Protein backbone atom coordinates (compact mmCIF):
# COMPACT_ATOMS: atom_id res chain seq x y z
CA MET A 1 -29.97 7.64 -3.47
CA GLY A 2 -31.05 11.19 -4.27
CA PRO A 3 -32.53 13.43 -1.55
CA ALA A 4 -36.08 13.32 -2.96
CA ASP A 5 -36.14 9.50 -3.07
CA LEU A 6 -34.57 9.23 0.37
CA GLU A 7 -37.18 11.61 1.79
CA GLN A 8 -39.96 9.37 0.47
CA VAL A 9 -38.34 6.23 1.90
CA LEU A 10 -37.97 7.70 5.38
CA LEU A 11 -41.33 9.46 5.54
CA PRO A 12 -43.51 6.43 6.49
CA LEU A 13 -41.02 4.86 8.91
CA LYS A 14 -42.02 4.46 12.52
CA GLN A 15 -39.31 5.99 14.68
CA TYR A 16 -38.23 4.79 18.11
CA SER A 17 -36.68 6.96 20.78
CA ASN A 18 -34.10 6.35 23.46
CA PRO A 19 -33.13 8.80 26.19
CA ASN A 20 -29.43 8.25 25.47
CA LEU A 21 -29.78 8.95 21.74
CA ILE A 22 -28.64 12.58 21.42
CA VAL A 23 -28.76 12.68 17.61
CA GLY A 24 -30.81 10.18 15.63
CA LEU A 25 -32.89 9.70 12.50
CA GLU A 26 -35.47 12.32 13.38
CA ILE A 27 -33.17 15.26 12.61
CA SER A 28 -31.19 13.78 9.68
CA ASP A 29 -27.68 14.76 10.76
CA ASP A 30 -24.32 13.40 9.61
CA ALA A 31 -24.00 10.67 12.23
CA ALA A 32 -25.81 9.15 15.19
CA VAL A 33 -24.68 10.21 18.66
CA TYR A 34 -25.40 7.97 21.67
CA GLN A 35 -24.48 9.07 25.18
CA LEU A 36 -22.48 6.51 27.19
CA SER A 37 -21.67 8.59 30.27
CA PRO A 38 -21.78 12.23 31.39
CA ASP A 39 -18.42 12.79 29.68
CA GLN A 40 -18.53 10.50 26.64
CA ALA A 41 -20.81 9.79 23.70
CA LEU A 42 -20.43 7.36 20.83
CA VAL A 43 -20.58 8.72 17.27
CA GLN A 44 -21.47 6.22 14.56
CA THR A 45 -21.93 6.47 10.80
CA VAL A 46 -21.77 4.33 7.67
CA ASP A 47 -20.97 5.15 4.05
CA PHE A 48 -20.02 3.15 0.95
CA PHE A 49 -20.17 3.60 -2.82
CA PRO A 50 -18.88 2.28 -6.18
CA PRO A 51 -15.40 3.31 -7.40
CA VAL A 52 -14.89 7.02 -8.04
CA VAL A 53 -11.36 6.51 -9.41
CA ASP A 54 -9.65 3.61 -11.22
CA ASP A 55 -6.79 3.12 -8.76
CA PRO A 56 -7.96 0.56 -6.16
CA TYR A 57 -5.76 1.88 -3.38
CA PHE A 58 -6.93 5.49 -3.74
CA TYR A 59 -10.52 4.32 -4.09
CA GLY A 60 -10.21 2.62 -0.71
CA ALA A 61 -8.51 5.62 0.89
CA ILE A 62 -11.13 8.05 -0.46
CA ALA A 63 -14.01 5.84 0.69
CA ALA A 64 -12.51 5.69 4.18
CA ALA A 65 -11.91 9.45 4.34
CA ASN A 66 -15.47 10.03 3.20
CA ALA A 67 -16.91 7.74 5.89
CA MET A 68 -14.69 9.19 8.61
CA SER A 69 -15.73 12.72 7.67
CA ASP A 70 -19.16 12.36 9.24
CA VAL A 71 -17.59 11.80 12.66
CA TYR A 72 -15.45 14.91 12.21
CA ALA A 73 -18.49 16.91 11.12
CA MET A 74 -20.10 16.04 14.46
CA GLY A 75 -17.02 17.22 16.37
CA GLY A 76 -15.76 13.75 17.24
CA GLU A 77 -12.61 11.68 16.89
CA VAL A 78 -12.50 8.40 14.95
CA ALA A 79 -11.58 5.20 16.83
CA LEU A 80 -12.78 2.15 14.90
CA GLY A 81 -13.95 1.03 11.48
CA ILE A 82 -15.73 -2.04 10.06
CA ASN A 83 -15.41 -2.69 6.32
CA ILE A 84 -18.41 -3.07 4.01
CA VAL A 85 -17.60 -4.74 0.69
CA GLY A 86 -19.43 -5.76 -2.46
CA PHE A 87 -17.11 -7.39 -5.00
CA PRO A 88 -17.51 -9.20 -8.34
CA GLU A 89 -16.51 -12.85 -8.56
CA ASP A 90 -14.67 -12.31 -11.85
CA LEU A 91 -12.20 -9.66 -10.64
CA PRO A 92 -8.78 -10.53 -9.18
CA HIS A 93 -8.68 -10.69 -5.39
CA SER A 94 -5.56 -8.52 -5.50
CA ILE A 95 -7.75 -5.55 -6.46
CA LEU A 96 -9.83 -5.97 -3.31
CA SER A 97 -6.66 -6.30 -1.23
CA ARG A 98 -5.50 -2.89 -2.51
CA ILE A 99 -8.91 -1.32 -1.80
CA LEU A 100 -8.88 -2.61 1.76
CA GLN A 101 -5.29 -1.50 2.27
CA GLY A 102 -6.17 2.01 1.16
CA GLY A 103 -8.96 2.13 3.71
CA ALA A 104 -6.86 0.67 6.50
CA ASP A 105 -3.99 3.09 5.85
CA LYS A 106 -6.33 6.08 5.91
CA MET A 107 -7.79 4.98 9.25
CA ALA A 108 -4.28 4.43 10.60
CA GLU A 109 -3.40 8.08 9.88
CA VAL A 110 -5.35 9.04 12.99
CA GLY A 111 -4.50 6.00 15.10
CA ALA A 112 -7.81 4.32 14.33
CA VAL A 113 -8.10 0.67 13.33
CA VAL A 114 -10.19 -1.43 10.96
CA ALA A 115 -11.36 -4.36 13.06
CA GLY A 116 -13.24 -6.52 10.57
CA GLY A 117 -16.11 -6.29 8.14
CA HIS A 118 -18.51 -8.09 5.83
CA THR A 119 -18.33 -8.99 2.13
CA VAL A 120 -20.93 -10.01 -0.45
CA THR A 121 -20.60 -10.76 -4.14
CA ASP A 122 -21.88 -7.99 -6.39
CA LYS A 123 -21.77 -7.11 -10.09
CA GLU A 124 -19.97 -3.83 -9.30
CA PRO A 125 -17.34 -3.17 -6.63
CA LYS A 126 -18.62 -1.25 -3.63
CA TYR A 127 -16.62 -0.29 -0.57
CA GLY A 128 -16.98 1.76 2.57
CA LEU A 129 -16.96 1.55 6.33
CA CYS A 130 -19.09 1.73 9.40
CA VAL A 131 -17.09 4.18 11.50
CA THR A 132 -17.24 4.62 15.27
CA GLY A 133 -15.88 7.60 17.13
CA PHE A 134 -16.31 9.49 20.38
CA VAL A 135 -17.30 13.02 21.39
CA HIS A 136 -18.13 14.84 24.61
CA PRO A 137 -21.95 15.00 24.89
CA LYS A 138 -21.80 18.75 25.47
CA GLN A 139 -19.57 19.40 22.46
CA VAL A 140 -21.54 17.77 19.65
CA LEU A 141 -21.68 19.80 16.43
CA THR A 142 -24.96 19.54 14.49
CA LYS A 143 -26.44 20.91 11.28
CA GLY A 144 -29.05 22.99 13.09
CA GLY A 145 -28.38 26.18 15.01
CA ALA A 146 -27.11 28.70 12.45
CA LYS A 147 -28.01 32.24 13.51
CA PRO A 148 -28.59 35.47 11.56
CA GLY A 149 -25.29 37.28 11.17
CA ASP A 150 -23.15 34.12 11.17
CA TYR A 151 -20.45 33.80 8.53
CA LEU A 152 -20.43 30.64 6.38
CA TYR A 153 -17.16 28.82 5.78
CA LEU A 154 -16.02 25.96 3.54
CA THR A 155 -12.76 24.02 4.01
CA LYS A 156 -12.35 22.28 0.62
CA PRO A 157 -13.04 23.42 -2.95
CA LEU A 158 -15.88 21.86 -4.95
CA GLY A 159 -15.93 19.78 -8.12
CA THR A 160 -14.98 16.20 -7.29
CA GLY A 161 -18.10 14.74 -8.91
CA VAL A 162 -17.53 16.54 -12.20
CA ILE A 163 -13.80 15.75 -12.32
CA THR A 164 -14.21 12.05 -11.50
CA THR A 165 -16.96 11.84 -14.13
CA ALA A 166 -14.50 13.30 -16.64
CA GLY A 167 -12.09 10.60 -15.48
CA LYS A 168 -14.63 7.86 -16.12
CA ARG A 169 -15.08 9.25 -19.65
CA ASP A 170 -11.30 9.26 -20.21
CA VAL A 171 -11.20 12.97 -20.98
CA VAL A 172 -9.63 14.31 -17.78
CA ASP A 173 -6.16 15.78 -17.55
CA PRO A 174 -4.03 13.54 -15.25
CA GLU A 175 -2.81 16.47 -13.16
CA THR A 176 -6.37 17.70 -12.64
CA LEU A 177 -7.48 14.25 -11.51
CA ALA A 178 -4.48 13.94 -9.18
CA VAL A 179 -5.39 17.19 -7.42
CA ALA A 180 -8.99 16.02 -7.00
CA ILE A 181 -7.85 12.67 -5.61
CA ALA A 182 -5.59 14.41 -3.11
CA SER A 183 -8.49 16.60 -1.99
CA MET A 184 -10.84 13.63 -1.54
CA ALA A 185 -8.22 11.63 0.34
CA ARG A 186 -7.39 14.50 2.71
CA LEU A 187 -9.04 14.00 6.08
CA ASN A 188 -11.26 16.61 7.70
CA ARG A 189 -9.76 15.86 11.10
CA LYS A 190 -7.53 18.92 11.45
CA ALA A 191 -10.26 21.21 10.15
CA SER A 192 -12.66 19.70 12.70
CA GLN A 193 -10.18 20.25 15.51
CA LEU A 194 -9.74 23.90 14.51
CA VAL A 195 -13.51 24.37 14.39
CA ARG A 196 -13.82 22.82 17.85
CA GLN A 197 -11.16 25.16 19.20
CA ALA A 198 -13.48 28.04 18.36
CA GLY A 199 -15.99 26.54 20.81
CA ILE A 200 -19.46 25.14 20.36
CA ALA A 201 -20.88 28.43 21.64
CA ASN A 202 -19.44 30.13 18.55
CA VAL A 203 -19.76 27.41 15.89
CA HIS A 204 -23.52 27.32 15.59
CA ALA A 205 -23.84 24.64 12.87
CA CYS A 206 -21.55 22.25 11.02
CA THR A 207 -21.82 19.55 8.35
CA ASP A 208 -19.70 18.09 5.57
CA ILE A 209 -20.29 18.38 1.84
CA THR A 210 -20.99 15.05 0.15
CA GLY A 211 -23.60 13.56 -2.17
CA PHE A 212 -26.30 16.22 -1.94
CA GLY A 213 -23.85 18.93 -3.06
CA ILE A 214 -23.20 22.21 -1.30
CA LEU A 215 -26.69 23.52 -2.00
CA GLY A 216 -28.34 20.36 -0.71
CA HIS A 217 -26.38 20.30 2.52
CA ALA A 218 -26.83 24.05 2.93
CA PHE A 219 -30.59 23.57 2.60
CA GLU A 220 -30.48 20.94 5.35
CA MET A 221 -28.65 23.42 7.58
CA ALA A 222 -31.08 26.24 6.79
CA LYS A 223 -34.13 24.03 7.37
CA GLN A 224 -32.90 22.62 10.66
CA SER A 225 -31.71 26.00 11.94
CA GLN A 226 -35.23 27.47 11.49
CA GLU A 227 -36.16 31.00 10.50
CA VAL A 228 -32.92 31.60 8.61
CA ASP A 229 -31.74 31.59 5.01
CA LEU A 230 -28.20 30.76 3.94
CA GLU A 231 -26.87 33.31 1.48
CA PHE A 232 -23.87 32.46 -0.71
CA GLU A 233 -21.67 34.80 -2.70
CA ALA A 234 -21.08 32.96 -5.98
CA GLU A 235 -17.72 34.64 -6.56
CA ALA A 236 -16.45 33.48 -3.15
CA ILE A 237 -17.10 29.75 -3.67
CA PRO A 238 -13.88 27.82 -4.46
CA PHE A 239 -13.64 25.16 -7.17
CA LEU A 240 -10.97 22.57 -7.85
CA PRO A 241 -8.68 23.30 -10.80
CA GLY A 242 -10.36 22.05 -13.96
CA ALA A 243 -13.81 21.67 -12.39
CA ARG A 244 -15.37 24.52 -14.37
CA LYS A 245 -13.70 23.33 -17.58
CA TYR A 246 -15.17 19.84 -17.34
CA ALA A 247 -18.55 21.17 -16.24
CA ARG A 248 -18.62 23.25 -19.42
CA LEU A 249 -17.79 20.09 -21.39
CA GLY A 250 -20.86 18.41 -19.89
CA CYS A 251 -19.08 15.93 -17.62
CA LEU A 252 -21.89 15.99 -15.09
CA PRO A 253 -22.68 13.03 -12.82
CA GLY A 254 -26.28 11.88 -12.53
CA GLY A 255 -26.48 13.31 -9.04
CA VAL A 256 -26.43 16.85 -10.44
CA GLY A 257 -29.86 16.30 -11.97
CA ARG A 258 -31.25 14.54 -8.91
CA ASN A 259 -30.05 17.27 -6.57
CA ARG A 260 -31.37 20.00 -8.86
CA ALA A 261 -34.79 18.29 -9.16
CA PHE A 262 -35.13 18.11 -5.37
CA LEU A 263 -34.02 21.66 -4.66
CA GLN A 264 -35.66 23.52 -7.55
CA THR A 265 -39.20 22.16 -7.71
CA ASP A 266 -41.85 24.48 -9.15
CA THR A 267 -44.13 24.05 -6.15
CA ASP A 268 -41.53 24.33 -3.38
CA PRO A 269 -38.26 25.91 -4.54
CA LYS A 270 -35.64 25.47 -1.86
CA VAL A 271 -32.86 27.35 -3.67
CA GLN A 272 -32.85 30.77 -5.30
CA LEU A 273 -30.07 31.39 -7.84
CA LYS A 274 -29.15 34.77 -9.27
CA ALA A 275 -30.37 35.22 -12.85
CA ASN A 276 -26.97 35.65 -14.51
CA LEU A 277 -25.18 32.75 -12.77
CA GLU A 278 -22.93 30.97 -15.27
CA ASP A 279 -24.10 27.50 -16.27
CA ASP A 280 -20.92 25.70 -15.21
CA ILE A 281 -20.94 27.30 -11.75
CA GLU A 282 -24.62 26.46 -11.34
CA ALA A 283 -23.97 22.82 -12.21
CA LEU A 284 -21.08 22.63 -9.73
CA LEU A 285 -23.27 23.94 -6.92
CA PHE A 286 -25.46 20.85 -7.42
CA ASP A 287 -22.46 18.55 -7.89
CA PRO A 288 -22.53 15.45 -5.64
CA GLU A 289 -19.21 15.69 -3.84
CA THR A 290 -17.17 12.79 -2.54
CA SER A 291 -15.24 13.42 0.70
CA GLY A 292 -15.83 17.16 0.52
CA GLY A 293 -14.90 19.69 3.14
CA LEU A 294 -16.56 20.90 6.31
CA PHE A 295 -19.18 23.63 6.00
CA PHE A 296 -19.93 25.63 9.13
CA ALA A 297 -21.68 28.71 10.48
CA LEU A 298 -19.58 30.87 12.80
CA ASP A 299 -20.24 33.85 15.04
CA PRO A 300 -18.58 36.74 13.17
CA VAL A 301 -16.87 37.87 16.38
CA GLN A 302 -14.67 34.77 16.05
CA ALA A 303 -14.04 35.13 12.32
CA SER A 304 -10.59 36.66 12.50
CA SER A 305 -9.19 34.23 15.06
CA VAL A 306 -10.56 31.18 13.21
CA GLU A 307 -9.21 32.39 9.87
CA VAL A 308 -5.78 32.94 11.43
CA ALA A 309 -5.85 29.52 13.10
CA PHE A 310 -6.58 27.79 9.79
CA GLU A 311 -3.85 29.74 8.01
CA GLU A 312 -1.26 28.96 10.69
CA ALA A 313 -2.19 25.27 10.55
CA GLY A 314 -1.86 25.16 6.76
CA GLU A 315 -5.55 24.30 6.37
CA THR A 316 -7.60 25.80 3.56
CA LEU A 317 -10.63 27.93 4.43
CA TRP A 318 -12.99 30.13 2.43
CA ARG A 319 -15.67 32.50 3.68
CA VAL A 320 -18.49 31.83 1.22
CA GLY A 321 -21.52 33.64 2.61
CA LYS A 322 -23.61 34.54 5.60
CA VAL A 323 -26.76 33.61 7.50
CA VAL A 324 -29.73 35.98 7.30
CA PRO A 325 -33.28 35.92 8.69
CA GLY A 326 -35.52 33.81 6.48
CA SER A 327 -37.65 30.73 6.03
CA GLY A 328 -35.19 27.85 5.50
CA LYS A 329 -34.00 28.50 1.97
CA VAL A 330 -30.64 28.91 0.22
CA VAL A 331 -29.85 31.99 -1.86
CA VAL A 332 -26.92 32.38 -4.28
CA SER A 333 -26.21 36.00 -5.16
């Protein structure tokens, strides 16, 4: 569901509070956080979607990585998963077995386990997980809190939505698709651990880039941080190989239009783009990503040490902008 529709759905809901609920629906973060004891909190999230690639195994692995990512964005570690499945009656059961195996193997990479699930019949396959993890209550990373002067970092290049759309249209180069699949299947766990090493006092905000695109998730961070704008340098933003090519060919998922409509309304523009921004880059900034990277705001004093830590660990990292005083908007210059 696009951000505008989701906003309308949630607006009339009556919300209930609980003193142990550290992060809940009222602040729209990546996962819920519920305190169990002074030293432990439960992190819980759920995500599922139709196939983004044809290979059942990689579809399952990507869906699992995507669901797990929300726990890592909150600074937690994954422990447990419960499958969510919609599957057509006229497809071979062996396909579903491969999907589930992909998800289970991805969870097993971090010592987590899939402990069950629920299936329903559906006209189109859908798969994902409810993921449970744990975090120290005093070390929770949230979307809000970015401060003027912070540097903005991204840990994976953009373009998965465009490239997988090219794949669905049978126009994608196999090597390009393979690189995108590898990026989507790569867990954000190590990146999260490196962010946590910098300390919650220095990492002022963190989220992951998924269906609302980088501009949508950046707007959420800017809005929740209050009195700041997030300013991107267009030339610094990384894209997957082939992403710009297929964007120029018009291989744009429907989410591009939904994200753009929400963020660029005439009455309340949430994003300001530079006048000469190339069309393909603009489209990719609205691209709904699947299992994208972490996006975080860091005290510039820690910039050098964090960049070195990522390089030494073999983890990708790009400085893509900065936080400036403002009113909760996103600027691309």
